[in-house]
N, C-alpha and C. Protein backbone atom coordinates (compact mmCIF):
# COMPACT_ATOMS: atom_id res chain seq x y z
N MET A 1 0.85 -1.20 0.00
CA MET A 1 0.00 0.00 0.00
C MET A 1 0.88 1.24 0.00
N ASP A 2 0.43 2.27 -0.70
CA ASP A 2 1.16 3.53 -0.76
C ASP A 2 1.29 4.12 0.65
N LEU A 3 2.49 4.72 0.95
CA LEU A 3 2.75 5.26 2.29
C LEU A 3 1.75 6.34 2.66
N SER A 4 1.38 7.18 1.71
CA SER A 4 0.43 8.25 2.02
C SER A 4 -0.93 7.68 2.41
N LEU A 5 -1.31 6.55 1.80
CA LEU A 5 -2.57 5.92 2.17
C LEU A 5 -2.49 5.35 3.58
N LEU A 6 -1.33 4.78 3.93
CA LEU A 6 -1.16 4.26 5.28
C LEU A 6 -1.27 5.37 6.31
N ILE A 7 -0.67 6.52 6.01
CA ILE A 7 -0.73 7.66 6.94
C ILE A 7 -2.16 8.14 7.09
N ARG A 8 -2.88 8.24 5.96
CA ARG A 8 -4.27 8.71 6.04
C ARG A 8 -5.13 7.73 6.83
N GLU A 9 -4.88 6.42 6.63
CA GLU A 9 -5.64 5.41 7.36
C GLU A 9 -5.35 5.50 8.86
N ALA A 10 -4.08 5.71 9.22
CA ALA A 10 -3.72 5.84 10.64
C ALA A 10 -4.37 7.06 11.25
N ASN A 11 -4.36 8.19 10.52
CA ASN A 11 -5.00 9.39 11.04
C ASN A 11 -6.50 9.20 11.20
N HIS A 12 -7.09 8.48 10.24
CA HIS A 12 -8.53 8.20 10.33
C HIS A 12 -8.85 7.39 11.58
N GLN A 13 -8.01 6.39 11.86
CA GLN A 13 -8.23 5.57 13.04
C GLN A 13 -8.07 6.38 14.32
N LEU A 14 -7.08 7.29 14.35
CA LEU A 14 -6.88 8.12 15.52
C LEU A 14 -8.06 9.04 15.73
N ARG A 15 -8.58 9.62 14.64
CA ARG A 15 -9.75 10.48 14.76
C ARG A 15 -10.93 9.70 15.28
N GLY A 16 -11.05 8.47 14.82
CA GLY A 16 -12.15 7.63 15.30
C GLY A 16 -12.04 7.35 16.78
N LYS A 17 -10.79 7.12 17.25
CA LYS A 17 -10.60 6.87 18.68
C LYS A 17 -10.93 8.11 19.48
N ARG A 18 -10.52 9.27 18.96
CA ARG A 18 -10.81 10.50 19.70
C ARG A 18 -12.29 10.76 19.76
N SER A 19 -13.01 10.39 18.71
CA SER A 19 -14.43 10.71 18.66
C SER A 19 -15.24 9.91 19.67
N ILE A 20 -14.72 8.78 20.15
CA ILE A 20 -15.50 7.99 21.10
C ILE A 20 -14.98 8.13 22.52
N MET A 21 -14.00 9.01 22.72
CA MET A 21 -13.53 9.25 24.08
C MET A 21 -14.62 9.93 24.88
N THR A 22 -14.79 9.51 26.12
CA THR A 22 -15.82 10.07 26.97
C THR A 22 -15.21 10.54 28.28
N LEU A 23 -15.97 11.33 29.00
CA LEU A 23 -15.53 11.78 30.32
C LEU A 23 -15.45 10.59 31.27
N PRO A 24 -14.49 10.59 32.16
CA PRO A 24 -14.48 9.54 33.19
C PRO A 24 -15.70 9.69 34.09
N LYS A 25 -16.30 8.58 34.47
CA LYS A 25 -17.50 8.65 35.30
C LYS A 25 -17.20 9.18 36.69
N LYS A 26 -15.98 8.93 37.16
CA LYS A 26 -15.62 9.40 38.49
C LYS A 26 -15.56 10.93 38.50
N ASN A 27 -16.20 11.53 39.49
CA ASN A 27 -16.22 12.97 39.73
C ASN A 27 -17.08 13.76 38.76
N THR A 28 -17.71 13.10 37.78
CA THR A 28 -18.59 13.83 36.88
C THR A 28 -19.99 13.91 37.47
N ARG A 29 -20.74 14.90 37.02
CA ARG A 29 -22.11 15.09 37.49
C ARG A 29 -23.06 15.00 36.30
N THR A 30 -24.29 14.70 36.55
CA THR A 30 -25.29 14.59 35.49
C THR A 30 -26.28 15.74 35.59
N LEU A 31 -26.86 16.06 34.44
CA LEU A 31 -27.79 17.18 34.38
C LEU A 31 -28.75 16.95 33.21
N THR A 32 -30.01 17.23 33.43
CA THR A 32 -31.01 17.15 32.36
C THR A 32 -31.41 18.56 31.95
N VAL A 33 -31.26 18.85 30.67
CA VAL A 33 -31.60 20.16 30.13
C VAL A 33 -32.49 19.96 28.92
N ASP A 34 -33.72 20.50 28.99
CA ASP A 34 -34.67 20.39 27.88
C ASP A 34 -34.84 18.94 27.43
N ALA A 35 -35.02 18.05 28.42
CA ALA A 35 -35.31 16.62 28.22
C ALA A 35 -34.11 15.81 27.72
N ALA A 36 -32.95 16.41 27.61
CA ALA A 36 -31.74 15.68 27.20
C ALA A 36 -30.81 15.55 28.41
N ASN A 37 -30.10 14.43 28.48
CA ASN A 37 -29.23 14.14 29.62
C ASN A 37 -27.77 14.41 29.26
N TYR A 38 -27.05 15.02 30.20
CA TYR A 38 -25.66 15.37 29.98
C TYR A 38 -24.82 14.99 31.20
N ARG A 39 -23.51 14.84 30.96
CA ARG A 39 -22.54 14.67 32.03
C ARG A 39 -21.54 15.80 31.93
N TRP A 40 -21.09 16.31 33.09
CA TRP A 40 -20.17 17.44 33.06
C TRP A 40 -19.14 17.36 34.17
N LEU A 41 -18.01 18.03 33.92
CA LEU A 41 -16.88 17.99 34.83
C LEU A 41 -16.15 19.32 34.74
N VAL A 42 -15.73 19.84 35.89
CA VAL A 42 -14.92 21.06 35.93
C VAL A 42 -13.51 20.69 36.38
N SER A 43 -12.51 21.12 35.63
CA SER A 43 -11.11 20.87 35.97
C SER A 43 -10.32 22.16 35.76
N VAL A 44 -9.09 22.17 36.23
CA VAL A 44 -8.23 23.35 36.11
C VAL A 44 -6.99 22.98 35.31
N HIS A 45 -6.71 23.77 34.26
CA HIS A 45 -5.53 23.56 33.43
C HIS A 45 -4.85 24.90 33.21
N LYS A 46 -3.60 25.01 33.65
CA LYS A 46 -2.81 26.22 33.47
C LYS A 46 -3.56 27.45 33.95
N GLY A 47 -4.20 27.31 35.10
CA GLY A 47 -4.84 28.45 35.73
C GLY A 47 -6.20 28.83 35.18
N VAL A 48 -6.73 28.04 34.24
CA VAL A 48 -8.04 28.31 33.66
C VAL A 48 -9.00 27.18 34.01
N LEU A 49 -10.22 27.53 34.38
CA LEU A 49 -11.23 26.51 34.67
C LEU A 49 -11.82 25.99 33.38
N HIS A 50 -11.82 24.67 33.23
CA HIS A 50 -12.38 24.02 32.04
C HIS A 50 -13.66 23.30 32.43
N LEU A 51 -14.76 23.69 31.83
CA LEU A 51 -16.01 22.96 31.95
C LEU A 51 -16.16 22.08 30.71
N THR A 52 -16.25 20.77 30.91
CA THR A 52 -16.42 19.84 29.79
C THR A 52 -17.78 19.17 29.93
N VAL A 53 -18.54 19.18 28.84
CA VAL A 53 -19.90 18.62 28.84
C VAL A 53 -20.03 17.66 27.66
N GLU A 54 -20.74 16.57 27.88
CA GLU A 54 -21.04 15.64 26.80
C GLU A 54 -22.41 15.02 27.03
N SER A 55 -22.96 14.43 25.99
CA SER A 55 -24.23 13.72 26.11
C SER A 55 -24.05 12.51 27.01
N ALA A 56 -24.99 12.30 27.91
CA ALA A 56 -24.94 11.13 28.79
C ALA A 56 -25.50 9.89 28.12
N ASP A 57 -26.09 10.05 26.96
CA ASP A 57 -26.74 8.92 26.28
C ASP A 57 -25.83 8.26 25.24
N GLY A 58 -24.65 8.79 25.04
CA GLY A 58 -23.73 8.20 24.07
C GLY A 58 -22.67 9.20 23.70
N PRO A 59 -21.46 8.76 23.36
CA PRO A 59 -20.37 9.67 23.02
C PRO A 59 -20.65 10.45 21.75
N GLY A 60 -20.29 11.69 21.76
CA GLY A 60 -20.45 12.55 20.60
C GLY A 60 -19.53 13.74 20.73
N GLN A 61 -19.86 14.82 20.10
CA GLN A 61 -19.04 16.03 20.20
C GLN A 61 -19.11 16.58 21.62
N THR A 62 -17.97 16.88 22.18
CA THR A 62 -17.94 17.46 23.52
C THR A 62 -17.98 18.99 23.44
N LEU A 63 -18.40 19.59 24.52
CA LEU A 63 -18.40 21.04 24.65
C LEU A 63 -17.40 21.40 25.74
N GLN A 64 -16.54 22.38 25.45
CA GLN A 64 -15.59 22.87 26.44
C GLN A 64 -15.76 24.37 26.60
N ALA A 65 -16.08 24.78 27.82
CA ALA A 65 -16.23 26.20 28.13
C ALA A 65 -15.15 26.59 29.13
N PHE A 66 -14.56 27.76 28.94
CA PHE A 66 -13.44 28.18 29.75
C PHE A 66 -13.83 29.37 30.62
N PHE A 67 -13.44 29.32 31.89
CA PHE A 67 -13.75 30.37 32.85
C PHE A 67 -12.47 30.88 33.50
N GLU A 68 -12.40 32.20 33.66
CA GLU A 68 -11.26 32.76 34.40
C GLU A 68 -11.39 32.37 35.87
N PRO A 69 -10.30 31.94 36.49
CA PRO A 69 -10.37 31.57 37.90
C PRO A 69 -10.40 32.81 38.80
N HIS A 70 -10.78 32.62 40.04
CA HIS A 70 -10.74 33.68 41.05
C HIS A 70 -10.07 33.08 42.28
N ASP A 71 -8.74 32.98 42.20
CA ASP A 71 -7.98 32.35 43.27
C ASP A 71 -8.07 33.18 44.55
N GLN A 72 -8.28 32.50 45.64
CA GLN A 72 -8.37 33.15 46.95
C GLN A 72 -7.08 32.89 47.74
N PHE A 73 -6.54 33.94 48.35
CA PHE A 73 -5.30 33.84 49.11
C PHE A 73 -5.54 34.22 50.56
N LYS A 74 -4.72 33.63 51.44
CA LYS A 74 -4.73 33.97 52.86
C LYS A 74 -3.32 34.32 53.29
N ARG A 75 -3.23 35.18 54.30
CA ARG A 75 -1.92 35.50 54.87
C ARG A 75 -1.51 34.41 55.85
N LYS A 76 -0.26 33.98 55.77
CA LYS A 76 0.27 33.02 56.72
C LYS A 76 0.77 33.77 57.96
N HIS A 77 1.21 33.02 58.94
CA HIS A 77 1.67 33.63 60.19
C HIS A 77 2.89 34.53 59.97
N ASP A 78 3.67 34.24 58.92
CA ASP A 78 4.85 35.06 58.64
C ASP A 78 4.52 36.30 57.83
N GLY A 79 3.22 36.51 57.55
CA GLY A 79 2.80 37.68 56.81
C GLY A 79 2.76 37.51 55.31
N LYS A 80 3.25 36.38 54.79
CA LYS A 80 3.25 36.14 53.35
C LYS A 80 1.90 35.57 52.90
N TRP A 81 1.57 35.86 51.66
CA TRP A 81 0.32 35.36 51.10
C TRP A 81 0.50 33.94 50.58
N SER A 82 -0.53 33.13 50.73
CA SER A 82 -0.49 31.76 50.24
C SER A 82 -1.82 31.43 49.58
N PHE A 83 -1.75 30.73 48.43
CA PHE A 83 -2.98 30.31 47.75
C PHE A 83 -3.79 29.40 48.67
N HIS A 84 -5.09 29.67 48.75
CA HIS A 84 -5.96 28.90 49.64
C HIS A 84 -6.94 28.03 48.87
N ARG A 85 -7.66 28.60 47.92
CA ARG A 85 -8.64 27.82 47.18
C ARG A 85 -9.11 28.61 45.96
N GLN A 86 -9.87 27.94 45.11
CA GLN A 86 -10.50 28.56 43.96
C GLN A 86 -11.85 29.13 44.38
N GLY A 87 -12.07 30.39 44.12
CA GLY A 87 -13.27 31.05 44.61
C GLY A 87 -14.45 31.06 43.65
N ARG A 88 -14.22 30.72 42.38
CA ARG A 88 -15.34 30.74 41.43
C ARG A 88 -16.16 29.48 41.57
N SER A 89 -17.47 29.63 41.60
CA SER A 89 -18.37 28.50 41.74
C SER A 89 -19.20 28.34 40.47
N ILE A 90 -19.06 27.17 39.81
CA ILE A 90 -19.83 26.87 38.60
C ILE A 90 -20.96 25.92 39.01
N THR A 91 -22.18 26.38 38.92
CA THR A 91 -23.34 25.64 39.39
C THR A 91 -24.04 24.93 38.24
N PRO A 92 -24.95 23.99 38.54
CA PRO A 92 -25.73 23.36 37.47
C PRO A 92 -26.51 24.38 36.62
N GLU A 93 -26.94 25.47 37.24
CA GLU A 93 -27.63 26.51 36.47
C GLU A 93 -26.68 27.13 35.44
N ASN A 94 -25.43 27.38 35.83
CA ASN A 94 -24.44 27.90 34.88
C ASN A 94 -24.22 26.91 33.74
N VAL A 95 -24.12 25.63 34.09
CA VAL A 95 -23.89 24.60 33.08
C VAL A 95 -25.06 24.54 32.11
N ALA A 96 -26.28 24.64 32.62
CA ALA A 96 -27.46 24.61 31.75
C ALA A 96 -27.45 25.78 30.77
N ARG A 97 -27.03 26.95 31.24
CA ARG A 97 -26.95 28.11 30.35
C ARG A 97 -25.91 27.88 29.25
N ILE A 98 -24.78 27.30 29.63
CA ILE A 98 -23.72 27.01 28.66
C ILE A 98 -24.21 25.99 27.63
N ILE A 99 -24.91 24.96 28.09
CA ILE A 99 -25.43 23.93 27.18
C ILE A 99 -26.38 24.55 26.16
N ARG A 100 -27.32 25.35 26.63
CA ARG A 100 -28.29 25.96 25.71
C ARG A 100 -27.60 26.91 24.74
N HIS A 101 -26.62 27.66 25.23
CA HIS A 101 -25.88 28.56 24.34
C HIS A 101 -25.11 27.76 23.30
N GLY A 102 -24.48 26.65 23.72
CA GLY A 102 -23.73 25.83 22.79
C GLY A 102 -24.60 25.26 21.69
N ILE A 103 -25.74 24.71 22.06
CA ILE A 103 -26.65 24.13 21.07
C ILE A 103 -27.17 25.20 20.11
N ALA A 104 -27.47 26.38 20.64
CA ALA A 104 -27.98 27.46 19.80
C ALA A 104 -26.92 27.97 18.82
N ASN A 105 -25.65 27.67 19.11
CA ASN A 105 -24.57 28.20 18.27
C ASN A 105 -23.77 27.11 17.56
N GLY A 106 -24.35 25.90 17.44
CA GLY A 106 -23.73 24.90 16.59
C GLY A 106 -23.18 23.66 17.26
N TRP A 107 -23.25 23.58 18.59
CA TRP A 107 -22.77 22.35 19.24
C TRP A 107 -23.71 21.20 18.92
N GLN A 108 -23.13 20.04 18.57
CA GLN A 108 -23.91 18.86 18.20
C GLN A 108 -23.50 17.69 19.11
N PRO A 109 -24.09 17.60 20.29
CA PRO A 109 -23.65 16.60 21.28
C PRO A 109 -23.82 15.15 20.84
N SER A 110 -24.64 14.88 19.86
CA SER A 110 -24.84 13.49 19.41
C SER A 110 -24.02 13.14 18.18
N SER A 111 -23.29 14.10 17.62
CA SER A 111 -22.51 13.86 16.40
C SER A 111 -21.10 13.42 16.75
N GLN A 112 -20.66 12.32 16.13
CA GLN A 112 -19.32 11.80 16.38
C GLN A 112 -18.34 12.35 15.35
N GLY A 113 -17.06 12.29 15.70
CA GLY A 113 -16.02 12.67 14.76
C GLY A 113 -15.78 14.16 14.65
N LYS A 114 -16.40 14.96 15.50
CA LYS A 114 -16.22 16.41 15.45
C LYS A 114 -15.28 16.87 16.56
N ARG A 115 -14.55 17.91 16.28
CA ARG A 115 -13.69 18.49 17.30
C ARG A 115 -14.55 19.11 18.40
N PRO A 116 -14.00 19.24 19.62
CA PRO A 116 -14.77 19.86 20.70
C PRO A 116 -15.26 21.26 20.32
N PHE A 117 -16.44 21.59 20.78
CA PHE A 117 -17.02 22.91 20.58
C PHE A 117 -16.57 23.79 21.73
N HIS A 118 -15.92 24.92 21.43
CA HIS A 118 -15.32 25.76 22.46
C HIS A 118 -16.13 27.04 22.71
N ILE A 119 -16.24 27.41 23.97
CA ILE A 119 -16.79 28.71 24.37
C ILE A 119 -15.72 29.39 25.21
N GLN A 120 -15.22 30.52 24.75
CA GLN A 120 -14.09 31.17 25.39
C GLN A 120 -14.50 32.01 26.60
N THR A 121 -13.49 32.43 27.37
CA THR A 121 -13.75 33.12 28.63
C THR A 121 -14.55 34.41 28.44
N TRP A 122 -14.30 35.13 27.34
CA TRP A 122 -15.01 36.40 27.14
C TRP A 122 -16.50 36.17 26.85
N ASP A 123 -16.88 34.96 26.49
CA ASP A 123 -18.29 34.65 26.27
C ASP A 123 -18.93 34.00 27.49
N THR A 124 -18.18 33.17 28.21
CA THR A 124 -18.78 32.48 29.35
C THR A 124 -19.24 33.46 30.42
N ASP A 125 -18.49 34.54 30.64
CA ASP A 125 -18.88 35.52 31.64
C ASP A 125 -20.19 36.21 31.28
N LYS A 126 -20.49 36.29 29.98
CA LYS A 126 -21.74 36.90 29.54
C LYS A 126 -22.88 35.88 29.55
N VAL A 127 -22.58 34.67 29.08
CA VAL A 127 -23.61 33.64 28.95
C VAL A 127 -24.01 33.09 30.31
N ALA A 128 -23.03 32.83 31.15
CA ALA A 128 -23.31 32.18 32.44
C ALA A 128 -22.48 32.83 33.54
N PRO A 129 -22.84 34.05 33.94
CA PRO A 129 -22.08 34.70 35.02
C PRO A 129 -22.12 33.86 36.29
N THR A 130 -20.95 33.66 36.88
CA THR A 130 -20.84 32.78 38.04
C THR A 130 -20.63 33.59 39.31
N SER A 131 -20.88 32.97 40.43
CA SER A 131 -20.71 33.63 41.72
C SER A 131 -19.27 33.46 42.21
N ILE A 132 -18.82 34.44 42.98
CA ILE A 132 -17.49 34.42 43.56
C ILE A 132 -17.63 34.38 45.07
N ARG A 133 -17.01 33.40 45.70
CA ARG A 133 -17.10 33.24 47.15
C ARG A 133 -15.80 33.68 47.79
N SER A 134 -15.90 34.65 48.70
CA SER A 134 -14.73 35.12 49.44
C SER A 134 -15.10 35.25 50.91
N ALA A 135 -14.25 34.68 51.76
CA ALA A 135 -14.44 34.84 53.20
C ALA A 135 -13.74 36.11 53.65
N ASP A 136 -14.00 36.51 54.90
CA ASP A 136 -13.44 37.76 55.41
C ASP A 136 -11.92 37.76 55.43
N ASP A 137 -11.31 36.58 55.60
CA ASP A 137 -9.85 36.51 55.69
C ASP A 137 -9.21 36.09 54.37
N GLU A 138 -9.96 36.16 53.27
CA GLU A 138 -9.45 35.79 51.96
C GLU A 138 -9.44 37.00 51.04
N VAL A 139 -8.50 37.02 50.10
CA VAL A 139 -8.40 38.10 49.14
C VAL A 139 -8.13 37.53 47.76
N SER A 140 -8.83 38.04 46.76
CA SER A 140 -8.57 37.64 45.36
C SER A 140 -7.42 38.48 44.84
N LEU A 141 -6.21 38.10 45.22
CA LEU A 141 -5.04 38.92 44.91
C LEU A 141 -4.83 39.13 43.42
N LYS A 142 -5.00 38.08 42.64
CA LYS A 142 -4.73 38.21 41.20
C LYS A 142 -5.76 39.12 40.54
N ASP A 143 -7.01 39.00 40.95
CA ASP A 143 -8.04 39.90 40.41
C ASP A 143 -7.72 41.35 40.75
N LEU A 144 -7.24 41.55 41.98
CA LEU A 144 -6.85 42.88 42.42
C LEU A 144 -5.69 43.40 41.58
N ALA A 145 -4.72 42.53 41.29
CA ALA A 145 -3.58 42.92 40.47
C ALA A 145 -4.01 43.28 39.05
N ILE A 146 -4.95 42.52 38.49
CA ILE A 146 -5.44 42.80 37.13
C ILE A 146 -6.09 44.17 37.06
N ASP A 147 -6.94 44.47 38.05
CA ASP A 147 -7.60 45.78 38.07
C ASP A 147 -6.58 46.91 38.20
N GLN A 148 -5.57 46.71 39.05
CA GLN A 148 -4.58 47.76 39.26
C GLN A 148 -3.72 47.98 38.02
N VAL A 149 -3.28 46.91 37.37
CA VAL A 149 -2.47 47.04 36.16
C VAL A 149 -3.25 47.78 35.08
N SER A 150 -4.53 47.49 34.97
CA SER A 150 -5.36 48.18 33.98
C SER A 150 -5.39 49.68 34.24
N GLU A 151 -5.47 50.07 35.50
CA GLU A 151 -5.46 51.49 35.84
C GLU A 151 -4.09 52.11 35.61
N LEU A 152 -3.05 51.38 35.92
CA LEU A 152 -1.69 51.92 35.81
C LEU A 152 -1.29 52.24 34.37
N ARG A 153 -1.88 51.55 33.42
CA ARG A 153 -1.55 51.83 32.02
C ARG A 153 -1.71 53.32 31.71
N PHE A 154 -2.80 53.90 32.19
CA PHE A 154 -3.09 55.30 31.88
C PHE A 154 -2.22 56.25 32.72
N ASP A 155 -2.04 55.90 34.00
CA ASP A 155 -1.26 56.77 34.87
C ASP A 155 0.21 56.85 34.44
N VAL A 156 0.79 55.70 34.12
CA VAL A 156 2.19 55.68 33.71
C VAL A 156 2.38 56.42 32.40
N SER A 157 1.42 56.28 31.49
CA SER A 157 1.52 56.94 30.19
C SER A 157 1.44 58.46 30.30
N LEU A 158 0.82 58.95 31.38
CA LEU A 158 0.68 60.40 31.56
C LEU A 158 1.70 60.97 32.54
N ASP A 159 2.44 60.11 33.21
CA ASP A 159 3.40 60.54 34.22
C ASP A 159 4.69 60.98 33.52
N SER A 160 5.07 62.26 33.66
CA SER A 160 6.24 62.79 32.95
C SER A 160 7.53 62.07 33.35
N HIS A 161 7.64 61.71 34.62
CA HIS A 161 8.85 61.00 35.07
C HIS A 161 8.98 59.66 34.39
N TRP A 162 7.90 58.88 34.37
CA TRP A 162 7.97 57.54 33.78
C TRP A 162 8.05 57.60 32.27
N ARG A 163 7.45 58.58 31.65
CA ARG A 163 7.58 58.73 30.19
C ARG A 163 9.05 58.97 29.84
N LYS A 164 9.69 59.89 30.55
CA LYS A 164 11.10 60.19 30.27
C LYS A 164 11.98 58.97 30.54
N THR A 165 11.71 58.30 31.66
CA THR A 165 12.51 57.13 32.04
C THR A 165 12.38 56.00 31.04
N LEU A 166 11.15 55.69 30.64
CA LEU A 166 10.91 54.54 29.77
C LEU A 166 11.30 54.82 28.32
N PHE A 167 11.16 56.06 27.87
CA PHE A 167 11.61 56.38 26.51
C PHE A 167 13.11 56.15 26.38
N ALA A 168 13.86 56.42 27.44
CA ALA A 168 15.31 56.30 27.40
C ALA A 168 15.83 54.94 27.85
N ALA A 169 14.95 54.11 28.36
CA ALA A 169 15.38 52.84 28.96
C ALA A 169 15.68 51.79 27.91
N PRO A 170 16.62 50.90 28.19
CA PRO A 170 16.84 49.75 27.29
C PRO A 170 15.63 48.84 27.33
N PRO A 171 15.28 48.21 26.23
CA PRO A 171 14.10 47.34 26.21
C PRO A 171 14.15 46.25 27.28
N LEU A 172 13.00 46.05 27.91
CA LEU A 172 12.73 44.97 28.85
C LEU A 172 13.36 45.16 30.24
N LYS A 173 14.09 46.24 30.47
CA LYS A 173 14.60 46.48 31.81
C LYS A 173 13.45 46.90 32.72
N ARG A 174 13.29 46.19 33.84
CA ARG A 174 12.18 46.45 34.75
C ARG A 174 12.53 47.56 35.74
N PHE A 175 11.55 48.44 35.98
CA PHE A 175 11.67 49.49 36.98
C PHE A 175 10.53 49.32 37.98
N PRO A 176 10.83 49.02 39.24
CA PRO A 176 9.74 48.85 40.21
C PRO A 176 9.05 50.17 40.52
N LEU A 177 7.74 50.13 40.59
CA LEU A 177 7.00 51.31 41.03
C LEU A 177 7.16 51.45 42.54
N PRO A 178 7.37 52.64 43.05
CA PRO A 178 7.49 52.79 44.51
C PRO A 178 6.18 52.44 45.20
N ALA A 179 6.30 51.93 46.42
CA ALA A 179 5.12 51.49 47.17
C ALA A 179 4.14 52.63 47.43
N ASP A 180 4.63 53.88 47.42
CA ASP A 180 3.76 55.02 47.68
C ASP A 180 3.33 55.73 46.39
N TYR A 181 3.50 55.05 45.25
CA TYR A 181 3.10 55.67 43.97
C TYR A 181 1.63 56.07 44.04
N VAL A 182 1.36 57.27 43.61
CA VAL A 182 0.05 57.88 43.85
C VAL A 182 -1.10 57.09 43.22
N ALA A 183 -0.85 56.37 42.15
CA ALA A 183 -1.93 55.67 41.45
C ALA A 183 -2.28 54.32 42.06
N LEU A 184 -1.51 53.85 43.03
CA LEU A 184 -1.81 52.57 43.67
C LEU A 184 -2.97 52.73 44.64
N SER A 185 -3.89 51.79 44.59
CA SER A 185 -5.06 51.86 45.48
C SER A 185 -4.68 51.53 46.91
N ASP A 186 -5.50 51.97 47.84
CA ASP A 186 -5.26 51.67 49.26
C ASP A 186 -5.26 50.17 49.51
N ARG A 187 -6.13 49.46 48.82
CA ARG A 187 -6.20 48.01 49.03
C ARG A 187 -4.95 47.32 48.52
N VAL A 188 -4.42 47.78 47.39
CA VAL A 188 -3.18 47.23 46.86
C VAL A 188 -2.03 47.47 47.83
N ARG A 189 -1.98 48.67 48.41
CA ARG A 189 -0.93 48.97 49.39
C ARG A 189 -1.08 48.08 50.62
N LYS A 190 -2.31 47.89 51.06
CA LYS A 190 -2.54 47.07 52.25
C LYS A 190 -2.11 45.62 52.00
N CYS A 191 -2.34 45.13 50.81
CA CYS A 191 -1.96 43.76 50.47
C CYS A 191 -0.50 43.65 50.05
N GLU A 192 0.18 44.80 49.93
CA GLU A 192 1.61 44.85 49.60
C GLU A 192 1.92 44.23 48.24
N LEU A 193 1.02 44.43 47.29
CA LEU A 193 1.30 43.99 45.92
C LEU A 193 2.27 44.96 45.27
N ARG A 194 3.14 44.41 44.43
CA ARG A 194 4.16 45.22 43.79
C ARG A 194 4.00 45.18 42.26
N PHE A 195 4.47 46.27 41.61
CA PHE A 195 4.32 46.39 40.17
C PHE A 195 5.59 46.96 39.57
N ALA A 196 5.82 46.65 38.30
CA ALA A 196 7.00 47.13 37.60
C ALA A 196 6.59 47.62 36.21
N VAL A 197 7.37 48.55 35.69
CA VAL A 197 7.13 49.07 34.34
C VAL A 197 8.39 48.85 33.51
N PHE A 198 8.22 48.79 32.19
CA PHE A 198 9.37 48.54 31.32
C PHE A 198 9.08 49.00 29.90
N ASN A 199 10.15 49.18 29.14
CA ASN A 199 10.08 49.53 27.73
C ASN A 199 10.04 48.22 26.94
N GLU A 200 8.94 47.95 26.27
CA GLU A 200 8.77 46.72 25.53
C GLU A 200 9.37 46.79 24.13
N GLY A 201 9.72 48.00 23.67
CA GLY A 201 10.25 48.16 22.32
C GLY A 201 9.41 49.17 21.54
N SER A 202 9.66 49.26 20.26
CA SER A 202 8.99 50.26 19.43
C SER A 202 8.12 49.62 18.36
N THR A 203 7.09 50.34 17.96
CA THR A 203 6.24 49.91 16.86
C THR A 203 6.86 50.37 15.54
N GLU A 204 6.30 49.94 14.43
CA GLU A 204 6.82 50.32 13.12
C GLU A 204 6.73 51.83 12.89
N CYS A 205 5.76 52.47 13.52
CA CYS A 205 5.60 53.91 13.31
C CYS A 205 6.40 54.73 14.33
N GLY A 206 7.20 54.07 15.16
CA GLY A 206 8.07 54.79 16.07
C GLY A 206 7.53 55.03 17.45
N PHE A 207 6.34 54.54 17.75
CA PHE A 207 5.80 54.67 19.10
C PHE A 207 6.52 53.68 20.02
N VAL A 208 6.65 54.04 21.27
CA VAL A 208 7.28 53.17 22.26
C VAL A 208 6.21 52.48 23.08
N VAL A 209 6.37 51.18 23.26
CA VAL A 209 5.38 50.38 24.00
C VAL A 209 5.83 50.27 25.46
N PHE A 210 4.99 50.76 26.37
CA PHE A 210 5.24 50.61 27.80
C PHE A 210 4.53 49.36 28.28
N GLY A 211 5.22 48.59 29.09
CA GLY A 211 4.61 47.42 29.72
C GLY A 211 4.46 47.66 31.21
N ILE A 212 3.35 47.22 31.78
CA ILE A 212 3.10 47.30 33.22
C ILE A 212 2.73 45.92 33.69
N GLU A 213 3.45 45.38 34.67
CA GLU A 213 3.18 44.02 35.10
C GLU A 213 3.14 43.92 36.62
N SER A 214 2.47 42.86 37.08
CA SER A 214 2.43 42.53 38.49
C SER A 214 3.67 41.70 38.83
N VAL A 215 4.36 42.06 39.90
CA VAL A 215 5.55 41.31 40.30
C VAL A 215 5.16 39.93 40.81
N GLU A 216 4.09 39.88 41.61
CA GLU A 216 3.66 38.61 42.17
C GLU A 216 3.02 37.69 41.13
N PHE A 217 2.43 38.28 40.10
CA PHE A 217 1.77 37.51 39.05
C PHE A 217 2.28 38.01 37.69
N PRO A 218 3.45 37.53 37.24
CA PRO A 218 4.06 38.04 36.01
C PRO A 218 3.20 37.88 34.77
N ASP A 219 2.23 36.96 34.80
CA ASP A 219 1.36 36.80 33.63
C ASP A 219 0.31 37.91 33.57
N VAL A 220 0.19 38.70 34.62
CA VAL A 220 -0.70 39.86 34.61
C VAL A 220 0.11 41.04 34.09
N VAL A 221 0.01 41.30 32.80
CA VAL A 221 0.79 42.36 32.16
C VAL A 221 -0.04 43.00 31.06
N MET A 222 0.03 44.32 30.95
CA MET A 222 -0.70 45.05 29.92
C MET A 222 0.24 46.07 29.29
N TYR A 223 -0.15 46.57 28.12
CA TYR A 223 0.73 47.44 27.35
C TYR A 223 -0.01 48.69 26.88
N THR A 224 0.78 49.72 26.63
CA THR A 224 0.24 50.96 26.08
C THR A 224 1.28 51.58 25.15
N THR A 225 0.83 52.11 24.04
CA THR A 225 1.76 52.75 23.09
C THR A 225 1.85 54.24 23.36
N ASN A 226 3.05 54.79 23.21
CA ASN A 226 3.28 56.19 23.55
C ASN A 226 4.17 56.86 22.51
N ASN A 227 3.83 58.10 22.21
CA ASN A 227 4.55 58.86 21.18
C ASN A 227 5.71 59.62 21.84
N PRO A 228 6.96 59.28 21.53
CA PRO A 228 8.09 59.97 22.17
C PRO A 228 8.23 61.42 21.74
N ALA A 229 7.52 61.83 20.71
CA ALA A 229 7.59 63.22 20.27
C ALA A 229 6.77 64.14 21.17
N ILE A 230 5.94 63.53 22.02
CA ILE A 230 5.11 64.31 22.94
C ILE A 230 5.69 64.21 24.33
N ASP A 231 6.02 65.35 24.91
CA ASP A 231 6.59 65.36 26.25
C ASP A 231 5.53 65.00 27.30
């Protein structure tokens, strides 16, 4: 047999195996929506909550919806923050909303051989807003850092000191913001979150890109473009 035919046959068999993969029964929950039965499971991968849903009556196309986590932190006796638990709660009502949205937009839970149907984080928050649980001694530090970085983009871009510093700085060199920087919120100061700014480089039109990131959460970073011709 021709080698290319062998490869195509092998790929076909692999696709067939993938199409009949099902959720493990352990830890999954069942739900009936509009007279149809489903099984669902929430897991965490690389800091993102994954909701996976499939038909309970037979393997078919799976649905995967992604939710931003809301990690809760507590202070330890030494004053340092430590991850405590995941604060976002995905309920059967949320799952039912996701299922109906998926079906209305092309998900086919009974069809085999199809790739998973995805609903991204920017849609899940609109389709199925979830509740966030926080106790008095818990803080959503990363959420707080995200909000602060978003605000800092504008303050740093308008601050004459940081504009002068970053325009002249070598790319990617980090400059820590002082703890008493005027744009930091009282809550950020109380939680002792730290932030840094840097020159990310230039655009094709000559604008300089400023980066603002959280020291504790380096993946929390945002950018703003700035014209060096304007003081």
